[in-house]
Amino acid sequence: MFTRIAIPLLLFLAPRFLPQILRFARLVWRLSVDKRVPLVLRLLLPLAIIYAVSPFDLVPDRVPILGRFDDLIFIAFALLLLVKLSPKEVVDEHNGVTPQSNRPEDKDPDKVVDGSGRVVDDE
């Protein structure tokens, strides 16, 4: 019964979400191997995967909802921390975003006056 609903729904939604999921996975991989990201952040995801694979759980499976999904919650939290706490310029570089310039001539070139000057020595 569940597969009769889930499979067509996944096939319907896959073209919309699959490119975003692949882009996010590529970003996570690149951040995990980038030396400019602190080592503590790069170790979060492998540690969360080790926790998910290990038979030890902080929340026992007898707890109704949280017990079944605690592994997934830890992995999602590790992914969130990796992306959000990484340096912004590194994340932007891996996403292909060009950095914003703080130069006034780049923001509004009509308000910049070009000219030349010379130093006059009074002595």
C-alpha atoms as a PDB file:
ATOM      1  CA  MET A   1       0.000   0.000   0.000  1.00  0.00           C
ATOM      2  CA  PHE A   2       2.728   2.440   0.992  1.00  0.00           C
ATOM      3  CA  THR A   3       4.789   1.708  -2.134  1.00  0.00           C
ATOM      4  CA  ARG A   4       1.798   2.403  -4.381  1.00  0.00           C
ATOM      5  CA  ILE A   5       1.810   5.972  -3.091  1.00  0.00           C
ATOM      6  CA  ALA A   6       5.490   6.559  -2.326  1.00  0.00           C
ATOM      7  CA  ILE A   7       7.077   5.453  -5.600  1.00  0.00           C
ATOM      8  CA  PRO A   8       4.949   7.643  -7.925  1.00  0.00           C
ATOM      9  CA  LEU A   9       5.363  10.547  -5.508  1.00  0.00           C
ATOM     10  CA  LEU A  10       9.155  10.130  -5.536  1.00  0.00           C
ATOM     11  CA  LEU A  11       9.199   9.892  -9.322  1.00  0.00           C
ATOM     12  CA  PHE A  12       7.075  13.021  -9.530  1.00  0.00           C
ATOM     13  CA  LEU A  13       9.230  15.063  -7.119  1.00  0.00           C
ATOM     14  CA  ALA A  14      12.670  13.751  -8.169  1.00  0.00           C
ATOM     15  CA  PRO A  15      13.223  16.133 -11.120  1.00  0.00           C
ATOM     16  CA  ARG A  16      12.528  19.095  -8.873  1.00  0.00           C
ATOM     17  CA  PHE A  17      14.627  18.172  -5.843  1.00  0.00           C
ATOM     18  CA  LEU A  18      17.360  15.925  -7.240  1.00  0.00           C
ATOM     19  CA  PRO A  19      19.531  18.763  -8.681  1.00  0.00           C
ATOM     20  CA  GLN A  20      19.395  20.632  -5.361  1.00  0.00           C
ATOM     21  CA  ILE A  21      20.268  17.486  -3.417  1.00  0.00           C
ATOM     22  CA  LEU A  22      23.204  16.755  -5.723  1.00  0.00           C
ATOM     23  CA  ARG A  23      24.435  20.357  -5.464  1.00  0.00           C
ATOM     24  CA  PHE A  24      24.229  20.175  -1.655  1.00  0.00           C
ATOM     25  CA  ALA A  25      26.065  16.820  -1.603  1.00  0.00           C
ATOM     26  CA  ARG A  26      28.821  18.296  -3.786  1.00  0.00           C
ATOM     27  CA  LEU A  27      29.089  21.301  -1.428  1.00  0.00           C
ATOM     28  CA  VAL A  28      29.338  19.031   1.625  1.00  0.00           C
ATOM     29  CA  TRP A  29      32.039  16.928  -0.049  1.00  0.00           C
ATOM     30  CA  ARG A  30      34.055  19.978  -1.067  1.00  0.00           C
ATOM     31  CA  LEU A  31      33.793  21.508   2.404  1.00  0.00           C
ATOM     32  CA  SER A  32      34.828  18.202   3.975  1.00  0.00           C
ATOM     33  CA  VAL A  33      38.087  18.099   2.029  1.00  0.00           C
ATOM     34  CA  ASP A  34      38.862  21.837   2.026  1.00  0.00           C
ATOM     35  CA  LYS A  35      41.758  22.721   4.361  1.00  0.00           C
ATOM     36  CA  ARG A  36      40.371  26.217   5.006  1.00  0.00           C
ATOM     37  CA  VAL A  37      37.441  24.724   6.947  1.00  0.00           C
ATOM     38  CA  PRO A  38      38.365  24.024  10.587  1.00  0.00           C
ATOM     39  CA  LEU A  39      39.169  20.397  11.362  1.00  0.00           C
ATOM     40  CA  VAL A  40      36.460  20.183  14.027  1.00  0.00           C
ATOM     41  CA  LEU A  41      33.792  21.017  11.441  1.00  0.00           C
ATOM     42  CA  ARG A  42      35.222  18.571   8.917  1.00  0.00           C
ATOM     43  CA  LEU A  43      35.103  15.776  11.519  1.00  0.00           C
ATOM     44  CA  LEU A  44      31.427  16.307  12.390  1.00  0.00           C
ATOM     45  CA  LEU A  45      29.985  14.339   9.480  1.00  0.00           C
ATOM     46  CA  PRO A  46      32.263  11.275   9.801  1.00  0.00           C
ATOM     47  CA  LEU A  47      31.552  11.176  13.531  1.00  0.00           C
ATOM     48  CA  ALA A  48      27.793  11.384  12.896  1.00  0.00           C
ATOM     49  CA  ILE A  49      28.028   8.533  10.384  1.00  0.00           C
ATOM     50  CA  ILE A  50      30.002   6.442  12.881  1.00  0.00           C
ATOM     51  CA  TYR A  51      27.304   7.137  15.473  1.00  0.00           C
ATOM     52  CA  ALA A  52      24.588   6.091  13.013  1.00  0.00           C
ATOM     53  CA  VAL A  53      26.352   2.816  12.185  1.00  0.00           C
ATOM     54  CA  SER A  54      27.261   1.944  15.764  1.00  0.00           C
ATOM     55  CA  PRO A  55      24.828  -0.118  17.844  1.00  0.00           C
ATOM     56  CA  PHE A  56      25.076   2.400  20.702  1.00  0.00           C
ATOM     57  CA  ASP A  57      22.282   5.000  20.836  1.00  0.00           C
ATOM     58  CA  LEU A  58      21.858   7.980  23.148  1.00  0.00           C
ATOM     59  CA  VAL A  59      18.096   7.685  22.736  1.00  0.00           C
ATOM     60  CA  PRO A  60      16.901   4.069  22.986  1.00  0.00           C
ATOM     61  CA  ASP A  61      14.710   2.724  20.192  1.00  0.00           C
ATOM     62  CA  ARG A  62      11.891   2.153  22.694  1.00  0.00           C
ATOM     63  CA  VAL A  63      11.177   5.902  22.746  1.00  0.00           C
ATOM     64  CA  PRO A  64       8.270   6.235  20.290  1.00  0.00           C
ATOM     65  CA  ILE A  65       9.399   8.682  17.587  1.00  0.00           C
ATOM     66  CA  LEU A  66      12.737  10.122  18.600  1.00  0.00           C
ATOM     67  CA  GLY A  67      14.285   6.707  19.225  1.00  0.00           C
ATOM     68  CA  ARG A  68      13.861   5.627  15.625  1.00  0.00           C
ATOM     69  CA  PHE A  69      15.111   8.829  14.029  1.00  0.00           C
ATOM     70  CA  ASP A  70      17.958   9.892  16.318  1.00  0.00           C
ATOM     71  CA  ASP A  71      20.620   8.665  13.863  1.00  0.00           C
ATOM     72  CA  LEU A  72      19.060  10.672  11.050  1.00  0.00           C
ATOM     73  CA  ILE A  73      18.759  13.724  13.302  1.00  0.00           C
ATOM     74  CA  PHE A  74      22.472  13.550  14.219  1.00  0.00           C
ATOM     75  CA  ILE A  75      23.533  13.314  10.569  1.00  0.00           C
ATOM     76  CA  ALA A  76      21.264  16.212   9.575  1.00  0.00           C
ATOM     77  CA  PHE A  77      22.562  18.320  12.463  1.00  0.00           C
ATOM     78  CA  ALA A  78      26.173  17.566  11.471  1.00  0.00           C
ATOM     79  CA  LEU A  79      25.429  18.608   7.865  1.00  0.00           C
ATOM     80  CA  LEU A  80      23.766  21.805   9.052  1.00  0.00           C
ATOM     81  CA  LEU A  81      26.683  22.720  11.319  1.00  0.00           C
ATOM     82  CA  LEU A  82      29.233  21.978   8.602  1.00  0.00           C
ATOM     83  CA  VAL A  83      27.573  24.258   6.066  1.00  0.00           C
ATOM     84  CA  LYS A  84      26.510  27.057   8.417  1.00  0.00           C
ATOM     85  CA  LEU A  85      29.706  27.334  10.486  1.00  0.00           C
ATOM     86  CA  SER A  86      32.169  27.069   7.587  1.00  0.00           C
ATOM     87  CA  PRO A  87      33.731  30.365   6.496  1.00  0.00           C
ATOM     88  CA  LYS A  88      31.310  32.241   4.255  1.00  0.00           C
ATOM     89  CA  GLU A  89      33.862  32.982   1.560  1.00  0.00           C
ATOM     90  CA  VAL A  90      34.740  29.276   1.269  1.00  0.00           C
ATOM     91  CA  VAL A  91      31.068  28.273   0.986  1.00  0.00           C
ATOM     92  CA  ASP A  92      30.464  31.005  -1.597  1.00  0.00           C
ATOM     93  CA  GLU A  93      33.503  29.898  -3.591  1.00  0.00           C
ATOM     94  CA  HIS A  94      32.288  26.296  -3.704  1.00  0.00           C
ATOM     95  CA  ASN A  95      28.764  27.426  -4.620  1.00  0.00           C
ATOM     96  CA  GLY A  96      30.110  29.543  -7.472  1.00  0.00           C
ATOM     97  CA  VAL A  97      28.962  32.865  -6.000  1.00  0.00           C
ATOM     98  CA  THR A  98      31.164  35.822  -6.924  1.00  0.00           C
ATOM     99  CA  PRO A  99      32.298  37.864  -3.915  1.00  0.00           C
ATOM    100  CA  GLN A 100      30.788  41.304  -3.388  1.00  0.00           C
ATOM    101  CA  SER A 101      33.147  44.225  -3.750  1.00  0.00           C
ATOM    102  CA  ASN A 102      33.258  47.049  -1.200  1.00  0.00           C
ATOM    103  CA  ARG A 103      34.880  49.506  -3.585  1.00  0.00           C
ATOM    104  CA  PRO A 104      32.749  52.630  -4.252  1.00  0.00           C
ATOM    105  CA  GLU A 105      33.554  52.592  -7.959  1.00  0.00           C
ATOM    106  CA  ASP A 106      32.069  49.104  -8.228  1.00  0.00           C
ATOM    107  CA  LYS A 107      28.886  50.004  -6.343  1.00  0.00           C
ATOM    108  CA  ASP A 108      28.028  53.274  -8.129  1.00  0.00           C
ATOM    109  CA  PRO A 109      30.482  54.288 -10.836  1.00  0.00           C
ATOM    110  CA  ASP A 110      28.580  57.513 -11.653  1.00  0.00           C
ATOM    111  CA  LYS A 111      29.458  59.046  -8.270  1.00  0.00           C
ATOM    112  CA  VAL A 112      33.214  58.469  -8.574  1.00  0.00           C
ATOM    113  CA  VAL A 113      35.394  61.289  -9.833  1.00  0.00           C
ATOM    114  CA  ASP A 114      38.534  60.314 -11.693  1.00  0.00           C
ATOM    115  CA  GLY A 115      41.404  62.716 -11.526  1.00  0.00           C
ATOM    116  CA  SER A 116      45.046  63.174 -10.934  1.00  0.00           C
ATOM    117  CA  GLY A 117      46.948  65.091  -8.349  1.00  0.00           C
ATOM    118  CA  ARG A 118      50.421  66.350  -7.661  1.00  0.00           C
ATOM    119  CA  VAL A 119      52.243  67.368  -4.542  1.00  0.00           C
ATOM    120  CA  VAL A 120      53.385  70.999  -4.404  1.00  0.00           C
ATOM    121  CA  ASP A 121      56.286  71.634  -2.084  1.00  0.00           C
ATOM    122  CA  ASP A 122      56.231  75.143  -0.636  1.00  0.00           C
ATOM    123  CA  GLU A 123      59.866  75.162   0.410  1.00  0.00           C
END
